[in-house]
Amino acid sequence: MSDLKQGVTLEIMGEGLSGGPLNDAMKANLVARQGDIKFDIDWTTLGEYLDSLVRRGISPNVASFVGATTVRVHVLGEDDRDPTPAELARMQELVRQAMREGALGVGSSLIYAPAFFAETPELIALAYRVEERHAEHPQVPRGLARMLEHVSEALEEHMQKEERILFPMMRAGGMPMIMGPIQVMEHEHVEHGERLRQLEALTNNHTPPADACTSWHALYAGTRKLVDDVMQHIHLENNVLFPQFSGQHC
């Protein structure tokens, strides 16, 4: 009633965490954290949670996003690791189910653990979801998921070359042939930069449309961070690390 007396007639929930979906461990944790007010956790899915509110009685109107953190904890717990393909598919299905049950979208809160553990594979999955759900939107970033897959594959291959070839040579103090691998890395940095410019063009410089859902905002926040991280990597190598070996010749 206090909300209504202040003129609040609608409450939107689900920023990072939502009432569902829950597994047994999550339910037990919610019960253990209850204070003076005790209540049964008699729901599992987000839709069942909203139905539970109706049964118990609630004054304002309510709506909810499905929390990205809730989905992640449901499948991975609090672990700081990437999901396996099977786990990622399970996370996607949980989101689809919540959307069918009335979720407004996916609510992320990426500054808090475990949400900030999410990395490129989850960003790719989110891109596929946005492209699917907003296929008719004039500003939908068609092809973004595939582009992110190509960027991820290229970066992974680049990092492996550095770990296997370049960095061992650097740890050994450099050698006459080190400029060859460095020049290969510099050339790939140019290619990475071009891919990132294409990504920025496709996402309107990571700017979602005015009517974008939370999932779309989270996606573009992730692409912006990806670009910033890669550009920082390129800057440090091109301008700090590589010049230390510029006096050595092939």
C-alpha atoms as a PDB file:
ATOM      1  CA  MET A   1       0.000   0.000   0.000  1.00  0.00           C
ATOM      2  CA  SER A   2       2.895   2.389   0.641  1.00  0.00           C
ATOM      3  CA  ASP A   3       3.747   2.369  -3.076  1.00  0.00           C
ATOM      4  CA  LEU A   4       0.181   3.196  -4.068  1.00  0.00           C
ATOM      5  CA  LYS A   5      -0.004   6.053  -1.562  1.00  0.00           C
ATOM      6  CA  GLN A   6       3.076   7.537  -3.260  1.00  0.00           C
ATOM      7  CA  GLY A   7       1.485   7.206  -6.687  1.00  0.00           C
ATOM      8  CA  VAL A   8       3.429   4.106  -7.776  1.00  0.00           C
ATOM      9  CA  THR A   9       1.100   1.850  -9.746  1.00  0.00           C
ATOM     10  CA  LEU A  10       3.635  -0.286 -11.637  1.00  0.00           C
ATOM     11  CA  GLU A  11       6.798  -2.021 -10.449  1.00  0.00           C
ATOM     12  CA  ILE A  12       9.314  -3.486 -12.922  1.00  0.00           C
ATOM     13  CA  MET A  13      11.639  -6.154 -11.544  1.00  0.00           C
ATOM     14  CA  GLY A  14      14.473  -8.297 -12.808  1.00  0.00           C
ATOM     15  CA  GLU A  15      17.641  -6.156 -12.943  1.00  0.00           C
ATOM     16  CA  GLY A  16      20.226  -8.920 -12.953  1.00  0.00           C
ATOM     17  CA  LEU A  17      18.218 -11.053 -10.539  1.00  0.00           C
ATOM     18  CA  SER A  18      14.630 -12.177 -11.042  1.00  0.00           C
ATOM     19  CA  GLY A  19      12.086 -14.316  -9.206  1.00  0.00           C
ATOM     20  CA  GLY A  20      12.816 -17.250 -11.484  1.00  0.00           C
ATOM     21  CA  PRO A  21      13.902 -19.547 -12.924  1.00  0.00           C
ATOM     22  CA  LEU A  22      15.105 -21.288  -9.760  1.00  0.00           C
ATOM     23  CA  ASN A  23      16.672 -24.658  -9.074  1.00  0.00           C
ATOM     24  CA  ASP A  24      16.681 -26.499  -5.737  1.00  0.00           C
ATOM     25  CA  ALA A  25      19.961 -24.936  -4.576  1.00  0.00           C
ATOM     26  CA  MET A  26      18.719 -21.437  -5.381  1.00  0.00           C
ATOM     27  CA  LYS A  27      15.472 -22.075  -3.497  1.00  0.00           C
ATOM     28  CA  ALA A  28      17.385 -23.296  -0.459  1.00  0.00           C
ATOM     29  CA  ASN A  29      19.586 -20.208  -0.561  1.00  0.00           C
ATOM     30  CA  LEU A  30      16.553 -17.902  -0.697  1.00  0.00           C
ATOM     31  CA  VAL A  31      15.000 -19.640   2.303  1.00  0.00           C
ATOM     32  CA  ALA A  32      18.258 -19.438   4.277  1.00  0.00           C
ATOM     33  CA  ARG A  33      18.498 -15.684   3.629  1.00  0.00           C
ATOM     34  CA  GLN A  34      15.000 -14.877   4.870  1.00  0.00           C
ATOM     35  CA  GLY A  35      14.832 -12.599   7.896  1.00  0.00           C
ATOM     36  CA  ASP A  36      11.845 -11.814  10.085  1.00  0.00           C
ATOM     37  CA  ILE A  37       9.433 -12.256   7.178  1.00  0.00           C
ATOM     38  CA  LYS A  38       9.150 -15.931   6.237  1.00  0.00           C
ATOM     39  CA  PHE A  39       7.431 -17.295   3.132  1.00  0.00           C
ATOM     40  CA  ASP A  40       7.369 -20.477   1.102  1.00  0.00           C
ATOM     41  CA  ILE A  41       9.259 -20.643  -2.187  1.00  0.00           C
ATOM     42  CA  ASP A  42       6.387 -22.339  -3.994  1.00  0.00           C
ATOM     43  CA  TRP A  43       7.502 -21.556  -7.537  1.00  0.00           C
ATOM     44  CA  THR A  44      10.273 -22.550  -9.954  1.00  0.00           C
ATOM     45  CA  THR A  45       9.866 -20.578 -13.174  1.00  0.00           C
ATOM     46  CA  LEU A  46       9.488 -16.819 -13.579  1.00  0.00           C
ATOM     47  CA  GLY A  47       5.894 -17.290 -14.700  1.00  0.00           C
ATOM     48  CA  GLU A  48       5.131 -19.304 -11.575  1.00  0.00           C
ATOM     49  CA  TYR A  49       6.696 -16.555  -9.456  1.00  0.00           C
ATOM     50  CA  LEU A  50       4.397 -13.938 -10.984  1.00  0.00           C
ATOM     51  CA  ASP A  51       1.417 -16.254 -10.461  1.00  0.00           C
ATOM     52  CA  SER A  52       2.483 -16.674  -6.831  1.00  0.00           C
ATOM     53  CA  LEU A  53       2.395 -12.899  -6.343  1.00  0.00           C
ATOM     54  CA  VAL A  54      -1.152 -12.829  -7.694  1.00  0.00           C
ATOM     55  CA  ARG A  55      -2.262 -15.651  -5.368  1.00  0.00           C
ATOM     56  CA  ARG A  56      -0.777 -13.950  -2.321  1.00  0.00           C
ATOM     57  CA  GLY A  57      -2.233 -10.580  -3.303  1.00  0.00           C
ATOM     58  CA  ILE A  58      -0.324  -7.556  -4.563  1.00  0.00           C
ATOM     59  CA  SER A  59      -1.523  -3.971  -4.899  1.00  0.00           C
ATOM     60  CA  PRO A  60       0.466  -2.416  -7.766  1.00  0.00           C
ATOM     61  CA  ASN A  61       0.805  -3.855 -11.243  1.00  0.00           C
ATOM     62  CA  VAL A  62       4.030  -5.826 -11.703  1.00  0.00           C
ATOM     63  CA  ALA A  63       6.169  -6.955 -14.616  1.00  0.00           C
ATOM     64  CA  SER A  64       9.611  -8.538 -14.758  1.00  0.00           C
ATOM     65  CA  PHE A  65      12.636  -9.091 -16.906  1.00  0.00           C
ATOM     66  CA  VAL A  66      14.360 -12.444 -16.587  1.00  0.00           C
ATOM     67  CA  GLY A  67      17.638 -11.769 -14.779  1.00  0.00           C
ATOM     68  CA  ALA A  68      20.797 -12.659 -16.682  1.00  0.00           C
ATOM     69  CA  THR A  69      22.492 -13.389 -13.363  1.00  0.00           C
ATOM     70  CA  THR A  70      19.624 -15.657 -12.283  1.00  0.00           C
ATOM     71  CA  VAL A  71      19.905 -17.649 -15.508  1.00  0.00           C
ATOM     72  CA  ARG A  72      23.682 -17.912 -15.142  1.00  0.00           C
ATOM     73  CA  VAL A  73      23.503 -19.032 -11.496  1.00  0.00           C
ATOM     74  CA  HIS A  74      20.800 -21.551 -12.387  1.00  0.00           C
ATOM     75  CA  VAL A  75      23.206 -23.309 -14.763  1.00  0.00           C
ATOM     76  CA  LEU A  76      26.731 -22.433 -13.532  1.00  0.00           C
ATOM     77  CA  GLY A  77      26.258 -21.548  -9.889  1.00  0.00           C
ATOM     78  CA  GLU A  78      28.625 -18.800  -8.726  1.00  0.00           C
ATOM     79  CA  ASP A  79      31.591 -20.153 -10.728  1.00  0.00           C
ATOM     80  CA  ASP A  80      33.884 -17.772 -12.624  1.00  0.00           C
ATOM     81  CA  ARG A  81      34.117 -19.725 -15.883  1.00  0.00           C
ATOM     82  CA  ASP A  82      32.707 -19.906 -19.370  1.00  0.00           C
ATOM     83  CA  PRO A  83      29.690 -22.156 -19.964  1.00  0.00           C
ATOM     84  CA  THR A  84      30.122 -25.268 -22.056  1.00  0.00           C
ATOM     85  CA  PRO A  85      28.108 -25.386 -25.300  1.00  0.00           C
ATOM     86  CA  ALA A  86      25.534 -27.584 -23.569  1.00  0.00           C
ATOM     87  CA  GLU A  87      25.297 -25.206 -20.611  1.00  0.00           C
ATOM     88  CA  LEU A  88      24.970 -22.204 -22.900  1.00  0.00           C
ATOM     89  CA  ALA A  89      22.155 -23.937 -24.776  1.00  0.00           C
ATOM     90  CA  ARG A  90      20.424 -24.595 -21.453  1.00  0.00           C
ATOM     91  CA  MET A  91      20.757 -20.918 -20.506  1.00  0.00           C
ATOM     92  CA  GLN A  92      19.255 -19.897 -23.834  1.00  0.00           C
ATOM     93  CA  GLU A  93      16.308 -22.251 -23.332  1.00  0.00           C
ATOM     94  CA  LEU A  94      15.675 -20.838 -19.848  1.00  0.00           C
ATOM     95  CA  VAL A  95      15.506 -17.354 -21.361  1.00  0.00           C
ATOM     96  CA  ARG A  96      13.147 -18.537 -24.104  1.00  0.00           C
ATOM     97  CA  GLN A  97      10.875 -20.144 -21.526  1.00  0.00           C
ATOM     98  CA  ALA A  98      10.811 -16.985 -19.409  1.00  0.00           C
ATOM     99  CA  MET A  99       9.995 -14.907 -22.478  1.00  0.00           C
ATOM    100  CA  ARG A 100       7.102 -17.220 -23.287  1.00  0.00           C
ATOM    101  CA  GLU A 101       5.862 -16.759 -19.730  1.00  0.00           C
ATOM    102  CA  GLY A 102       5.764 -12.981 -20.077  1.00  0.00           C
ATOM    103  CA  ALA A 103       9.276 -11.675 -19.310  1.00  0.00           C
ATOM    104  CA  LEU A 104       9.886  -8.218 -20.779  1.00  0.00           C
ATOM    105  CA  GLY A 105      13.383  -9.153 -21.871  1.00  0.00           C
ATOM    106  CA  VAL A 106      16.728 -10.044 -20.265  1.00  0.00           C
ATOM    107  CA  GLY A 107      17.836  -7.793 -17.418  1.00  0.00           C
ATOM    108  CA  SER A 108      21.589  -7.589 -16.844  1.00  0.00           C
ATOM    109  CA  SER A 109      23.598  -6.016 -14.063  1.00  0.00           C
ATOM    110  CA  LEU A 110      27.088  -6.589 -15.364  1.00  0.00           C
ATOM    111  CA  ILE A 111      29.030  -4.699 -12.679  1.00  0.00           C
ATOM    112  CA  TYR A 112      28.242  -7.386 -10.103  1.00  0.00           C
ATOM    113  CA  ALA A 113      29.518 -10.952  -9.765  1.00  0.00           C
ATOM    114  CA  PRO A 114      28.724 -13.416 -11.211  1.00  0.00           C
ATOM    115  CA  ALA A 115      27.266 -11.369 -14.088  1.00  0.00           C
ATOM    116  CA  PHE A 116      30.630  -9.857 -15.051  1.00  0.00           C
ATOM    117  CA  PHE A 117      32.045 -13.363 -15.545  1.00  0.00           C
ATOM    118  CA  ALA A 118      30.069 -13.521 -18.808  1.00  0.00           C
ATOM    119  CA  GLU A 119      32.331 -13.341 -21.846  1.00  0.00           C
ATOM    120  CA  THR A 120      32.240 -13.596 -25.632  1.00  0.00           C
ATOM    121  CA  PRO A 121      30.304 -16.904 -26.006  1.00  0.00           C
ATOM    122  CA  GLU A 122      27.451 -15.471 -23.958  1.00  0.00           C
ATOM    123  CA  LEU A 123      27.643 -12.224 -25.924  1.00  0.00           C
ATOM    124  CA  ILE A 124      27.281 -14.220 -29.153  1.00  0.00           C
ATOM    125  CA  ALA A 125      24.264 -16.065 -27.748  1.00  0.00           C
ATOM    126  CA  LEU A 126      22.720 -12.745 -26.715  1.00  0.00           C
ATOM    127  CA  ALA A 127      23.275 -11.380 -30.232  1.00  0.00           C
ATOM    128  CA  TYR A 128      21.482 -14.361 -31.756  1.00  0.00           C
ATOM    129  CA  ARG A 129      18.608 -13.773 -29.335  1.00  0.00           C
ATOM    130  CA  VAL A 130      18.281 -10.068 -30.192  1.00  0.00           C
ATOM    131  CA  GLU A 131      18.426 -10.794 -33.937  1.00  0.00           C
ATOM    132  CA  GLU A 132      15.748 -13.468 -33.548  1.00  0.00           C
ATOM    133  CA  ARG A 133      13.402 -11.528 -31.302  1.00  0.00           C
ATOM    134  CA  HIS A 134      13.675  -8.212 -33.166  1.00  0.00           C
ATOM    135  CA  ALA A 135      13.986  -9.567 -36.700  1.00  0.00           C
ATOM    136  CA  GLU A 136      11.444  -7.039 -38.037  1.00  0.00           C
ATOM    137  CA  HIS A 137      13.011  -4.010 -36.346  1.00  0.00           C
ATOM    138  CA  PRO A 138      14.570  -1.641 -38.909  1.00  0.00           C
ATOM    139  CA  GLN A 139      17.713  -1.218 -36.773  1.00  0.00           C
ATOM    140  CA  VAL A 140      18.269  -4.856 -35.836  1.00  0.00           C
ATOM    141  CA  PRO A 141      21.992  -5.670 -36.206  1.00  0.00           C
ATOM    142  CA  ARG A 142      21.583  -8.460 -38.758  1.00  0.00           C
ATOM    143  CA  GLY A 143      24.682 -10.617 -38.931  1.00  0.00           C
ATOM    144  CA  LEU A 144      26.118  -9.370 -35.626  1.00  0.00           C
ATOM    145  CA  ALA A 145      26.201 -12.814 -34.023  1.00  0.00           C
ATOM    146  CA  ARG A 146      28.127 -14.279 -36.958  1.00  0.00           C
ATOM    147  CA  MET A 147      30.471 -11.292 -36.961  1.00  0.00           C
ATOM    148  CA  LEU A 148      31.157 -11.790 -33.253  1.00  0.00           C
ATOM    149  CA  GLU A 149      31.893 -15.449 -33.921  1.00  0.00           C
ATOM    150  CA  HIS A 150      34.434 -14.480 -36.605  1.00  0.00           C
ATOM    151  CA  VAL A 151      36.004 -11.877 -34.299  1.00  0.00           C
ATOM    152  CA  SER A 152      36.218 -14.404 -31.460  1.00  0.00           C
ATOM    153  CA  GLU A 153      37.801 -17.059 -33.694  1.00  0.00           C
ATOM    154  CA  ALA A 154      40.352 -14.585 -35.082  1.00  0.00           C
ATOM    155  CA  LEU A 155      41.283 -13.323 -31.613  1.00  0.00           C
ATOM    156  CA  GLU A 156      41.624 -16.847 -30.251  1.00  0.00           C
ATOM    157  CA  GLU A 157      43.940 -17.823 -33.108  1.00  0.00           C
ATOM    158  CA  HIS A 158      45.939 -14.605 -32.607  1.00  0.00           C
ATOM    159  CA  MET A 159      46.376 -15.239 -28.873  1.00  0.00           C
ATOM    160  CA  GLN A 160      47.466 -18.822 -29.474  1.00  0.00           C
ATOM    161  CA  LYS A 161      50.172 -17.659 -31.903  1.00  0.00           C
ATOM    162  CA  GLU A 162      51.457 -15.223 -29.306  1.00  0.00           C
ATOM    163  CA  GLU A 163      51.509 -17.856 -26.545  1.00  0.00           C
ATOM    164  CA  ARG A 164      53.151 -20.540 -28.687  1.00  0.00           C
ATOM    165  CA  ILE A 165      55.629 -18.504 -30.716  1.00  0.00           C
ATOM    166  CA  LEU A 166      56.115 -14.847 -29.854  1.00  0.00           C
ATOM    167  CA  PHE A 167      56.023 -14.739 -26.060  1.00  0.00           C
ATOM    168  CA  PRO A 168      58.514 -17.620 -25.571  1.00  0.00           C
ATOM    169  CA  MET A 169      60.944 -15.760 -27.845  1.00  0.00           C
ATOM    170  CA  MET A 170      60.454 -12.585 -25.812  1.00  0.00           C
ATOM    171  CA  ARG A 171      60.944 -14.396 -22.505  1.00  0.00           C
ATOM    172  CA  ALA A 172      64.217 -15.727 -23.897  1.00  0.00           C
ATOM    173  CA  GLY A 173      65.363 -12.140 -24.398  1.00  0.00           C
ATOM    174  CA  GLY A 174      64.600 -11.910 -28.068  1.00  0.00           C
ATOM    175  CA  MET A 175      66.589 -13.294 -30.961  1.00  0.00           C
ATOM    176  CA  PRO A 176      67.486 -12.229 -34.499  1.00  0.00           C
ATOM    177  CA  MET A 177      64.304 -13.700 -35.995  1.00  0.00           C
ATOM    178  CA  ILE A 178      61.838 -12.173 -33.513  1.00  0.00           C
ATOM    179  CA  MET A 179      60.829  -9.317 -35.821  1.00  0.00           C
ATOM    180  CA  GLY A 180      59.151 -11.804 -38.155  1.00  0.00           C
ATOM    181  CA  PRO A 181      56.500 -12.891 -35.600  1.00  0.00           C
ATOM    182  CA  ILE A 182      56.138  -9.286 -34.420  1.00  0.00           C
ATOM    183  CA  GLN A 183      55.372  -8.135 -37.964  1.00  0.00           C
ATOM    184  CA  VAL A 184      52.776 -10.914 -38.295  1.00  0.00           C
ATOM    185  CA  MET A 185      51.106  -9.765 -35.054  1.00  0.00           C
ATOM    186  CA  GLU A 186      51.146  -6.125 -36.200  1.00  0.00           C
ATOM    187  CA  HIS A 187      49.514  -7.116 -39.486  1.00  0.00           C
ATOM    188  CA  GLU A 188      46.842  -9.056 -37.612  1.00  0.00           C
ATOM    189  CA  HIS A 189      46.275  -6.035 -35.367  1.00  0.00           C
ATOM    190  CA  VAL A 190      45.363  -4.065 -38.490  1.00  0.00           C
ATOM    191  CA  GLU A 191      42.924  -6.798 -39.494  1.00  0.00           C
ATOM    192  CA  HIS A 192      41.414  -6.840 -35.996  1.00  0.00           C
ATOM    193  CA  GLY A 193      40.994  -3.082 -36.153  1.00  0.00           C
ATOM    194  CA  GLU A 194      39.113  -3.351 -39.449  1.00  0.00           C
ATOM    195  CA  ARG A 195      36.763  -6.004 -38.011  1.00  0.00           C
ATOM    196  CA  LEU A 196      36.081  -3.810 -34.994  1.00  0.00           C
ATOM    197  CA  ARG A 197      35.270  -0.839 -37.238  1.00  0.00           C
ATOM    198  CA  GLN A 198      32.774  -3.040 -39.082  1.00  0.00           C
ATOM    199  CA  LEU A 199      31.306  -4.076 -35.741  1.00  0.00           C
ATOM    200  CA  GLU A 200      30.957  -0.458 -34.665  1.00  0.00           C
ATOM    201  CA  ALA A 201      29.236   0.395 -37.954  1.00  0.00           C
ATOM    202  CA  LEU A 202      26.801  -2.515 -37.572  1.00  0.00           C
ATOM    203  CA  THR A 203      25.907  -1.507 -34.003  1.00  0.00           C
ATOM    204  CA  ASN A 204      25.666   2.230 -34.744  1.00  0.00           C
ATOM    205  CA  ASN A 205      28.722   2.741 -32.556  1.00  0.00           C
ATOM    206  CA  HIS A 206      27.169   0.524 -29.857  1.00  0.00           C
ATOM    207  CA  THR A 207      24.094   2.760 -29.649  1.00  0.00           C
ATOM    208  CA  PRO A 208      20.790   0.867 -29.367  1.00  0.00           C
ATOM    209  CA  PRO A 209      17.593   2.403 -30.738  1.00  0.00           C
ATOM    210  CA  ALA A 210      15.342   4.390 -28.427  1.00  0.00           C
ATOM    211  CA  ASP A 211      12.866   1.514 -28.111  1.00  0.00           C
ATOM    212  CA  ALA A 212      15.497  -1.182 -27.524  1.00  0.00           C
ATOM    213  CA  CYS A 213      14.864  -3.787 -24.830  1.00  0.00           C
ATOM    214  CA  THR A 214      17.268  -4.449 -21.960  1.00  0.00           C
ATOM    215  CA  SER A 215      18.778  -7.390 -23.845  1.00  0.00           C
ATOM    216  CA  TRP A 216      19.694  -5.079 -26.716  1.00  0.00           C
ATOM    217  CA  HIS A 217      21.265  -2.577 -24.314  1.00  0.00           C
ATOM    218  CA  ALA A 218      23.233  -5.368 -22.612  1.00  0.00           C
ATOM    219  CA  LEU A 219      24.409  -6.654 -25.991  1.00  0.00           C
ATOM    220  CA  TYR A 220      25.765  -3.275 -27.054  1.00  0.00           C
ATOM    221  CA  ALA A 221      27.368  -2.694 -23.656  1.00  0.00           C
ATOM    222  CA  GLY A 222      29.158  -5.989 -24.244  1.00  0.00           C
ATOM    223  CA  THR A 223      30.276  -5.128 -27.776  1.00  0.00           C
ATOM    224  CA  ARG A 224      31.595  -1.767 -26.557  1.00  0.00           C
ATOM    225  CA  LYS A 225      33.613  -3.500 -23.825  1.00  0.00           C
ATOM    226  CA  LEU A 226      34.920  -6.043 -26.335  1.00  0.00           C
ATOM    227  CA  VAL A 227      36.141  -3.295 -28.654  1.00  0.00           C
ATOM    228  CA  ASP A 228      37.717  -1.344 -25.772  1.00  0.00           C
ATOM    229  CA  ASP A 229      39.515  -4.450 -24.486  1.00  0.00           C
ATOM    230  CA  VAL A 230      40.889  -5.431 -27.896  1.00  0.00           C
ATOM    231  CA  MET A 231      42.013  -1.883 -28.713  1.00  0.00           C
ATOM    232  CA  GLN A 232      43.783  -1.695 -25.342  1.00  0.00           C
ATOM    233  CA  HIS A 233      45.525  -4.996 -26.156  1.00  0.00           C
ATOM    234  CA  ILE A 234      46.621  -3.657 -29.550  1.00  0.00           C
ATOM    235  CA  HIS A 235      47.850  -0.379 -28.060  1.00  0.00           C
ATOM    236  CA  LEU A 236      49.931  -2.063 -25.367  1.00  0.00           C
ATOM    237  CA  GLU A 237      51.579  -4.451 -27.802  1.00  0.00           C
ATOM    238  CA  ASN A 238      52.177  -2.004 -30.676  1.00  0.00           C
ATOM    239  CA  ASN A 239      53.304   0.943 -28.554  1.00  0.00           C
ATOM    240  CA  VAL A 240      54.769  -0.568 -25.388  1.00  0.00           C
ATOM    241  CA  LEU A 241      55.811  -4.194 -25.862  1.00  0.00           C
ATOM    242  CA  PHE A 242      56.956  -4.479 -29.469  1.00  0.00           C
ATOM    243  CA  PRO A 243      59.187  -1.352 -29.484  1.00  0.00           C
ATOM    244  CA  GLN A 244      61.385  -3.033 -26.835  1.00  0.00           C
ATOM    245  CA  PHE A 245      62.499  -5.462 -29.541  1.00  0.00           C
ATOM    246  CA  SER A 246      62.586  -3.052 -32.502  1.00  0.00           C
ATOM    247  CA  GLY A 247      66.384  -2.936 -32.568  1.00  0.00           C
ATOM    248  CA  GLN A 248      66.655  -6.630 -33.416  1.00  0.00           C
ATOM    249  CA  HIS A 249      66.762  -7.653 -37.074  1.00  0.00           C
ATOM    250  CA  CYS A 250      65.726 -10.737 -39.020  1.00  0.00           C
END
